[in-house]
Protein backbone atom coordinates (compact mmCIF):
# COMPACT_ATOMS: atom_id res chain seq x y z
CA MET A 1 -41.94 98.61 -113.46
CA ALA A 2 -43.34 100.46 -110.59
CA VAL A 3 -46.48 98.29 -110.62
CA LEU A 4 -44.32 95.25 -110.23
CA PHE A 5 -42.41 96.90 -107.43
CA ILE A 6 -45.70 97.68 -105.57
CA PHE A 7 -47.05 94.24 -106.21
CA LEU A 8 -43.96 92.60 -104.77
CA LEU A 9 -43.98 95.00 -101.76
CA LEU A 10 -47.62 94.46 -100.89
CA PRO A 11 -47.24 91.25 -99.00
CA VAL A 12 -44.33 92.76 -96.82
CA SER A 13 -46.46 95.80 -96.10
CA ILE A 14 -49.44 93.50 -95.04
CA ILE A 15 -47.23 91.47 -92.69
CA ILE A 16 -45.64 94.50 -91.17
CA ASN A 17 -49.03 96.20 -90.55
CA GLY A 18 -50.42 92.94 -89.06
CA LEU A 19 -47.52 92.35 -86.76
CA LEU A 20 -47.55 95.97 -85.65
CA LEU A 21 -51.21 95.89 -84.98
CA SER A 22 -50.59 92.81 -82.72
CA LEU A 23 -47.89 94.67 -80.95
CA PHE A 24 -49.84 97.79 -80.46
CA TRP A 25 -52.92 95.81 -79.34
CA ASP A 26 -50.70 94.08 -76.69
CA TRP A 27 -49.29 97.36 -75.54
CA PHE A 28 -52.31 99.67 -75.50
CA PHE A 29 -55.52 97.59 -75.23
CA VAL A 30 -54.42 94.47 -73.09
CA PRO A 31 -53.66 96.59 -70.08
CA LEU A 32 -57.25 97.82 -70.25
CA GLY A 33 -58.68 94.25 -69.97
CA VAL A 34 -59.16 93.54 -73.63
CA PRO A 35 -58.00 90.02 -74.74
CA SER A 36 -54.76 89.69 -76.59
CA VAL A 37 -54.91 89.35 -80.38
CA GLY A 38 -52.43 87.03 -82.05
CA ALA A 39 -50.49 87.77 -85.21
CA ALA A 40 -52.87 85.87 -87.53
CA HIS A 41 -55.97 87.70 -86.23
CA ALA A 42 -54.17 91.01 -86.32
CA LEU A 43 -53.30 90.35 -90.06
CA GLY A 44 -56.93 89.70 -90.78
CA ILE A 45 -58.01 92.87 -88.84
CA SER A 46 -55.35 94.87 -90.70
CA LEU A 47 -56.57 93.59 -94.05
CA ILE A 48 -60.19 94.36 -93.26
CA VAL A 49 -59.30 97.96 -92.01
CA THR A 50 -57.20 98.45 -95.25
CA MET A 51 -60.01 97.23 -97.54
CA LEU A 52 -62.68 99.53 -95.81
CA THR A 53 -60.42 102.60 -95.75
CA TYR A 54 -58.44 102.40 -98.87
CA ASN A 55 -58.57 105.41 -101.13
CA TYR A 56 -58.92 104.31 -104.63
CA SER A 57 -57.27 107.22 -106.24
CA LYS A 58 -56.64 107.35 -110.01
CA ASP A 59 -53.45 109.33 -109.46
CA GLU A 60 -50.11 107.64 -110.27
CA ARG A 61 -47.60 107.86 -107.48
CA GLU A 62 -43.98 107.61 -107.57
CA ALA A 63 -42.43 104.43 -106.39
CA SER A 64 -40.67 106.25 -103.51
CA GLU A 65 -43.99 107.62 -102.22
CA VAL A 66 -45.41 104.07 -102.25
CA LEU A 67 -42.44 102.78 -100.27
CA LEU A 68 -42.90 105.60 -97.77
CA THR A 69 -46.42 104.83 -97.25
CA MET A 70 -46.09 100.92 -97.21
CA ILE A 71 -42.87 100.35 -95.24
CA VAL A 72 -41.51 103.52 -93.68
CA ARG A 73 -44.82 104.97 -92.30
CA PRO A 74 -45.39 101.87 -90.18
CA LEU A 75 -41.94 101.88 -88.80
CA TYR A 76 -42.30 105.68 -88.04
CA LEU A 77 -45.49 104.75 -86.14
CA LEU A 78 -43.60 102.06 -84.38
CA ALA A 79 -41.11 104.44 -83.05
CA PHE A 80 -43.93 106.89 -81.75
CA ALA A 81 -45.77 103.92 -80.23
CA ALA A 82 -42.69 102.78 -78.37
CA LEU A 83 -42.18 106.19 -77.06
CA PHE A 84 -45.80 106.40 -75.91
CA TYR A 85 -45.45 102.87 -74.37
CA SER A 86 -42.35 103.82 -72.45
CA PHE A 87 -44.50 106.32 -70.47
CA MET A 88 -46.96 103.73 -69.42
């Protein structure tokens, strides 16, 4: 059951991470003169970074821990990024 839950949650997590990357890029890199990155490119960058940094652990995690990692953590980062952005 937990595997199905994770499998269904994965696309949502990918989309959230890509959209947040695009937003964070616009907030923190574009003011430095770096060109803007659209949502599609940000999704691709997010997938590449995930692929290169994912820890293939053999430990089984609880579904609640997976939910925290995949959904709540990016939203927590959004809150802090918005706070930092407000000081710019």
